[in-house]
Amino acid sequence: MDYLNNFFLIALPYLALAIFLIGTIFRYTSRKFQFSSLSSQFLEGRKLFYGSVPFHWGVIFVFFGHLIAFLFPGSVLAWNSQPLRLMILEITAFIFGISMLVGLINLVIRRYTTARLSPVTNKMDLIVYVLLIIQTVAGLWIAYNFRWGSSWFSTLLTPYLYSIFTFNPDITAVSLLPWPVKLHIAGAFVILSIFPFTRLVHMLVLPLNYLWRPYQQVTWYWNRKKVRSSSTPWSLQRPENT
């Protein structure tokens, strides 16, 4: 089993990091204007709300929860030294994980049941959805079956990740973890490797310039009530607004 541990816990992480870095730099320098989420909100907004909001709230909490345990393991362990605080943290994280899963399912249903979205949907979208759902379900399953993940993450996974990023890989402790946990780690690196080739790259570019850029002035020549009416037919003519 040593060769499997070496592949999933050493070779795969370095391969994923290399693809992520090279792919991200290449895409940003060669296709800068595609470095976005390619939003489809203007095509359909109601269903998007019930998918995007719970998904993003879940992602934000889960991601920063993992990041804090990685950056400040001692603080997390100190917080968890009180059983009540440990319970609050674990239950809260589990709830946000469920929120992420519910949002993902709603986004998948919206993406593949709304006719307007078909022209702007590609194969990579399906791959991303499948990987994210598998990773989220696996994370919830691990959180339920291997309790107090915030503590053993800080104790076992943080030193392992530090060893990866410092190019001195040490899998002695992490290789003893159950295979569902190790496959969950591998799944995270697989998602990282496809990052540059998906809509997920928008997470790397925060639109901070929106905070200080001047307002955009739009001169509208159409009849607003007619244009915004759902009964107005689609037109192939060039819009008259500027």
Protein backbone atom coordinates (compact mmCIF):
# COMPACT_ATOMS: atom_id res chain seq x y z
CA MET A 1 0.00 0.00 0.00
CA ASP A 2 3.03 2.28 0.27
CA TYR A 3 3.00 3.04 -3.45
CA LEU A 4 -0.64 4.14 -3.23
CA ASN A 5 0.12 6.41 -0.28
CA ASN A 6 3.10 7.86 -2.12
CA PHE A 7 1.00 8.52 -5.23
CA PHE A 8 -2.07 10.04 -3.57
CA LEU A 9 -0.26 11.93 -0.80
CA ILE A 10 2.99 13.01 -2.50
CA ALA A 11 2.99 12.67 -6.30
CA LEU A 12 -0.59 13.85 -6.85
CA PRO A 13 -0.29 16.99 -4.69
CA TYR A 14 2.88 18.15 -6.48
CA LEU A 15 1.39 17.36 -9.88
CA ALA A 16 -1.77 19.26 -8.99
CA LEU A 17 0.16 22.28 -7.69
CA ALA A 18 2.30 22.39 -10.85
CA ILE A 19 -0.74 22.23 -13.14
CA PHE A 20 -2.52 24.85 -11.04
CA LEU A 21 0.35 27.34 -11.13
CA ILE A 22 1.31 26.89 -14.79
CA GLY A 23 -2.30 26.72 -16.00
CA THR A 24 -3.38 29.77 -14.00
CA ILE A 25 -0.48 31.92 -15.21
CA PHE A 26 -0.99 30.81 -18.82
CA ARG A 27 -4.73 31.47 -18.80
CA TYR A 28 -4.37 34.85 -17.14
CA THR A 29 -1.68 36.03 -19.55
CA SER A 30 -3.22 34.62 -22.73
CA ARG A 31 -6.97 34.73 -22.04
CA LYS A 32 -7.35 37.42 -19.43
CA PHE A 33 -10.91 38.33 -20.40
CA GLN A 34 -12.05 34.74 -19.78
CA PHE A 35 -10.71 34.90 -16.23
CA SER A 36 -14.19 35.07 -14.71
CA SER A 37 -17.16 32.99 -13.62
CA LEU A 38 -18.86 33.65 -16.99
CA SER A 39 -22.00 34.56 -15.08
CA SER A 40 -25.37 33.45 -16.46
CA GLN A 41 -27.42 35.57 -14.07
CA PHE A 42 -28.82 37.68 -16.89
CA LEU A 43 -30.22 34.51 -18.49
CA GLU A 44 -31.90 33.21 -15.32
CA GLY A 45 -31.82 34.74 -11.86
CA ARG A 46 -34.51 33.28 -9.62
CA LYS A 47 -33.19 29.70 -9.47
CA LEU A 48 -29.64 31.02 -9.33
CA PHE A 49 -30.38 32.75 -6.03
CA TYR A 50 -31.44 29.51 -4.31
CA GLY A 51 -28.33 27.76 -5.56
CA SER A 52 -25.64 30.40 -5.45
CA VAL A 53 -26.39 31.86 -2.00
CA PRO A 54 -26.33 28.64 0.07
CA PHE A 55 -23.42 27.30 -2.00
CA HIS A 56 -21.22 30.36 -1.56
CA TRP A 57 -21.98 30.73 2.15
CA GLY A 58 -21.11 27.07 2.60
CA VAL A 59 -17.91 27.34 0.55
CA ILE A 60 -16.74 30.45 2.40
CA PHE A 61 -17.16 28.90 5.85
CA VAL A 62 -15.76 25.48 4.92
CA PHE A 63 -12.78 26.92 3.01
CA PHE A 64 -11.78 29.41 5.68
CA GLY A 65 -12.39 26.79 8.35
CA HIS A 66 -9.81 24.55 6.72
CA LEU A 67 -7.49 27.51 6.13
CA ILE A 68 -7.60 28.64 9.76
CA ALA A 69 -6.88 25.10 10.97
CA PHE A 70 -3.89 25.06 8.60
CA LEU A 71 -2.52 28.49 9.54
CA PHE A 72 -3.34 28.50 13.25
CA PRO A 73 -3.52 24.88 14.45
CA GLY A 74 -2.56 25.81 18.01
CA SER A 75 -5.40 28.30 18.30
CA VAL A 76 -7.90 25.78 16.94
CA LEU A 77 -6.74 23.15 19.44
CA ALA A 78 -6.96 25.68 22.26
CA TRP A 79 -10.52 26.55 21.21
CA ASN A 80 -11.41 22.86 21.07
CA SER A 81 -10.08 22.24 24.57
CA GLN A 82 -13.54 23.15 25.84
CA PRO A 83 -16.09 20.45 24.80
CA LEU A 84 -18.91 22.96 24.31
CA ARG A 85 -16.84 25.13 21.98
CA LEU A 86 -15.74 22.02 20.07
CA MET A 87 -19.37 20.96 19.64
CA ILE A 88 -20.39 24.42 18.44
CA LEU A 89 -17.58 24.47 15.87
CA GLU A 90 -18.28 20.96 14.56
CA ILE A 91 -22.06 21.43 14.31
CA THR A 92 -21.69 24.82 12.64
CA ALA A 93 -19.23 23.45 10.10
CA PHE A 94 -21.54 20.52 9.36
CA ILE A 95 -24.50 22.86 8.80
CA PHE A 96 -22.50 24.97 6.37
CA GLY A 97 -21.38 21.79 4.61
CA ILE A 98 -25.03 20.84 4.13
CA SER A 99 -25.68 24.37 2.86
CA MET A 100 -22.92 23.92 0.30
CA LEU A 101 -24.39 20.60 -0.85
CA VAL A 102 -27.94 21.98 -1.13
CA GLY A 103 -26.65 24.93 -3.14
CA LEU A 104 -24.70 22.64 -5.45
CA ILE A 105 -27.73 20.45 -6.13
CA ASN A 106 -29.86 23.51 -6.89
CA LEU A 107 -27.18 24.86 -9.24
CA VAL A 108 -26.99 21.54 -11.10
CA ILE A 109 -30.77 21.38 -11.46
CA ARG A 110 -30.84 24.97 -12.72
CA ARG A 111 -27.97 24.45 -15.14
CA TYR A 112 -29.44 21.38 -16.82
CA THR A 113 -33.17 22.16 -16.72
CA THR A 114 -33.08 25.75 -18.00
CA ALA A 115 -33.08 25.86 -21.80
CA ARG A 116 -31.48 29.30 -21.94
CA LEU A 117 -28.35 28.00 -20.19
CA SER A 118 -27.61 25.20 -22.67
CA PRO A 119 -25.58 27.39 -25.09
CA VAL A 120 -23.33 28.61 -22.24
CA THR A 121 -22.83 25.19 -20.61
CA ASN A 122 -19.81 23.03 -21.43
CA LYS A 123 -18.43 19.64 -20.45
CA MET A 124 -16.09 21.12 -17.88
CA ASP A 125 -19.10 22.47 -15.96
CA LEU A 126 -20.36 18.91 -15.51
CA ILE A 127 -16.94 17.70 -14.37
CA VAL A 128 -16.73 20.50 -11.81
CA TYR A 129 -20.21 19.79 -10.47
CA VAL A 130 -19.52 16.06 -10.15
CA LEU A 131 -16.20 16.57 -8.38
CA LEU A 132 -17.59 19.21 -6.02
CA ILE A 133 -20.60 17.07 -5.10
CA ILE A 134 -18.41 14.02 -4.48
CA GLN A 135 -16.00 16.09 -2.39
CA THR A 136 -18.80 17.70 -0.38
CA VAL A 137 -20.63 14.42 0.28
CA ALA A 138 -17.33 12.79 1.27
CA GLY A 139 -16.54 15.67 3.61
CA LEU A 140 -19.93 15.40 5.32
CA TRP A 141 -19.58 11.63 5.60
CA ILE A 142 -16.11 11.98 7.13
CA ALA A 143 -17.31 14.69 9.52
CA TYR A 144 -20.11 12.40 10.72
CA ASN A 145 -18.13 9.15 10.97
CA PHE A 146 -14.76 10.51 12.11
CA ARG A 147 -15.76 13.11 14.67
CA TRP A 148 -13.81 16.16 15.84
CA GLY A 149 -12.22 16.76 12.46
CA SER A 150 -11.06 20.24 13.39
CA SER A 151 -8.80 18.72 16.06
CA TRP A 152 -7.29 15.86 14.09
CA PHE A 153 -6.93 18.11 11.05
CA SER A 154 -4.84 20.52 13.10
CA THR A 155 -2.83 17.67 14.61
CA LEU A 156 -2.24 15.43 11.58
CA LEU A 157 -3.07 17.21 8.33
CA THR A 158 -1.52 20.58 9.09
CA PRO A 159 2.02 19.13 9.57
CA TYR A 160 1.52 17.05 6.41
CA LEU A 161 0.46 20.08 4.33
CA TYR A 162 3.36 22.12 5.71
CA SER A 163 5.72 19.35 4.66
CA ILE A 164 4.27 19.41 1.14
CA PHE A 165 4.58 23.18 0.76
CA THR A 166 8.12 23.18 2.14
CA PHE A 167 9.16 20.45 -0.31
CA ASN A 168 9.95 18.02 2.47
CA PRO A 169 6.98 15.61 2.26
CA ASP A 170 6.30 13.60 5.39
CA ILE A 171 3.32 11.22 5.19
CA THR A 172 4.20 9.12 8.23
CA ALA A 173 1.17 10.19 10.25
CA VAL A 174 -1.32 10.95 7.49
CA SER A 175 -0.75 7.58 5.81
CA LEU A 176 -2.28 5.92 8.89
CA LEU A 177 -5.61 7.72 8.38
CA PRO A 178 -8.57 5.76 6.94
CA TRP A 179 -8.71 5.62 3.14
CA PRO A 180 -11.88 7.74 2.88
CA VAL A 181 -9.94 10.59 4.49
CA LYS A 182 -6.93 10.08 2.22
CA LEU A 183 -9.14 10.00 -0.87
CA HIS A 184 -10.82 13.19 0.35
CA ILE A 185 -7.39 14.82 0.50
CA ALA A 186 -6.61 13.54 -3.00
CA GLY A 187 -9.96 14.87 -4.24
CA ALA A 188 -9.06 18.35 -3.03
CA PHE A 189 -5.86 18.28 -5.06
CA VAL A 190 -7.70 16.99 -8.13
CA ILE A 191 -10.08 19.96 -7.93
CA LEU A 192 -7.09 22.26 -7.52
CA SER A 193 -5.52 20.82 -10.69
CA ILE A 194 -8.55 21.62 -12.88
CA PHE A 195 -8.99 25.09 -11.37
CA PRO A 196 -7.36 26.98 -14.27
CA PHE A 197 -9.60 25.33 -16.84
CA THR A 198 -12.95 26.07 -15.22
CA ARG A 199 -15.14 28.93 -14.02
CA LEU A 200 -13.59 28.48 -10.58
CA VAL A 201 -10.75 30.80 -11.57
CA HIS A 202 -12.97 33.76 -10.70
CA MET A 203 -12.12 33.04 -7.06
CA LEU A 204 -8.56 34.20 -7.78
CA VAL A 205 -9.53 37.62 -9.14
CA LEU A 206 -11.42 39.83 -6.72
CA PRO A 207 -13.07 42.85 -8.41
CA LEU A 208 -11.57 45.30 -5.94
CA ASN A 209 -11.44 48.07 -8.57
CA TYR A 210 -15.25 48.19 -8.38
CA LEU A 211 -14.84 49.89 -5.00
CA TRP A 212 -13.29 53.06 -6.46
CA ARG A 213 -14.12 53.09 -10.17
CA PRO A 214 -16.59 55.80 -11.35
CA TYR A 215 -20.20 54.92 -11.99
CA GLN A 216 -21.00 53.63 -15.47
CA GLN A 217 -23.48 55.84 -17.31
CA VAL A 218 -26.00 54.04 -19.51
CA THR A 219 -28.25 55.86 -21.97
CA TRP A 220 -31.36 53.78 -22.64
CA TYR A 221 -33.43 54.34 -25.77
CA TRP A 222 -35.80 51.41 -25.46
CA ASN A 223 -39.21 51.39 -23.83
CA ARG A 224 -38.30 50.04 -20.40
CA LYS A 225 -41.63 48.37 -19.70
CA LYS A 226 -41.65 46.66 -23.08
CA VAL A 227 -38.04 45.46 -22.88
CA ARG A 228 -38.39 44.06 -19.35
CA SER A 229 -41.66 42.30 -20.02
CA SER A 230 -41.38 38.51 -20.04
CA SER A 231 -43.79 38.38 -22.97
CA THR A 232 -41.52 40.46 -25.21
CA PRO A 233 -40.04 38.17 -27.92
CA TRP A 234 -36.31 37.81 -28.37
CA SER A 235 -34.76 39.90 -31.13
CA LEU A 236 -31.64 39.32 -33.21
CA GLN A 237 -31.34 43.00 -34.02
CA ARG A 238 -28.53 44.99 -32.54
CA PRO A 239 -29.58 46.72 -29.29
CA GLU A 240 -30.12 50.44 -29.51
CA ASN A 241 -28.98 51.15 -25.97
CA THR A 242 -25.40 52.36 -25.35
